Amino acid sequence: MPPAAVVAVAGGVLLLGGGHVPAAAAASGKCTRTLGAGSGNLQRFVRRLHRGDVGCLRGTFHTSLSIHGGGFRLKSVPGARATIDGVVFLASSSHDVVLAHLRFRSNDTPTLRVNGRRITIRGSEVTNDHRGICVSIGGGFERWGIARGVALQWDRIHDCGRLPATNHDHGVYVEGAVGTVVSDSLIYDNADRGIQFFPNAQRSVVTNNVIDGNGEGVIFSSESAGGEYSAAYASNNNLVTRNVISNSLVRYNLEAWWGGPVGIGNVAKANCLWNGAQGNLDLSAGGVLAIANVVANPGFVDRGANDFQLKAGSPCAGMGPR
């Protein structure tokens, strides 16, 4: 089906060849198209979503998905959480897509690979039962493109990465990206880093998350030319603030490591740090300014049950998800 032409009309948007989508429905997130597992092809369904559409899913889809267009939302039907059991790839041509209230898992990895522009993953769960990386942002960027303006909001990203830990499998891997935002999410029990900036993460903001029980919490890093990458890259101007970063099992809660140029403009500010295996903070390599971080037991309500709310009177109040 050719792309639908978009014409503004009173009270909505007319998608020529694609039906009429009321503006109020699109704005409210009301489903404009629905697909149940077993009743159609997911790739075809998504390919036919046009600007302003809200595509809703029901059930478990055992398939991978590639997204190349934009301007639409894909979410679960109200009252249930749909699962995509396969790799989801948002290509460099994808843009202005919201994936909301879904469950992503896969036997192949990364579970989510995002190379597009202004992509939002919201209110979703991402896991792969310890098979590899969960969320790759700008993966293979020299070939597949820099990701720009990606946002992870109110997500739960957990149990990613092979065990025993290999030092390569992370919850969120910001490889080649500009303007990534990770906020108000729970990132826990991942084999290696909860969040890795390597080697070319620029102007990211990581704020108000719980990053707990990973091999390591957050790392700022770089790489020289001649190995995996054709040029040298460093992660610059990234801000990590108001997170609870705790109980890292292998390395530090916050670390800087520069295999290439030393990064500039990186800041770790007003985070709650607790119980890193090698310590809470190792920024001895430079490239990161640490300001007003607190070392204290955050006092989770029930960490064993993955309830990362903070008890009343926590010294880390105001940090973590809002």
Foldseek 3Di string as FASTA:
>chain_A
DDFFDWDDDPQFIQGHVQGTDGQVCLVVLHAPEEDEAPPDDPQVVQVSDHASHRYEYHEEHADEYEAQEERYEYAHDPPDEYEYADAYEYAQNYEHYEYERYEFEYLDDQRYEYAYEQYEYELYEWEYQANAADYEACPVCVPGNAYENYEYYAYEFENYHHPPHDQHGERYEDAGYEAYEYEQYEQEHANHEPYEYEAHYEQYEYFQAEQEHYLEYYEFEWAAADDPHNHTGGYEQYEYEQAEQEHNPHAENYEYYYNDDQYANAEYEAYEFEHHPHYHYYHVVDNYHYYHYHHDDQDAPCVVVPRRDGDPPGPSPRGHHD
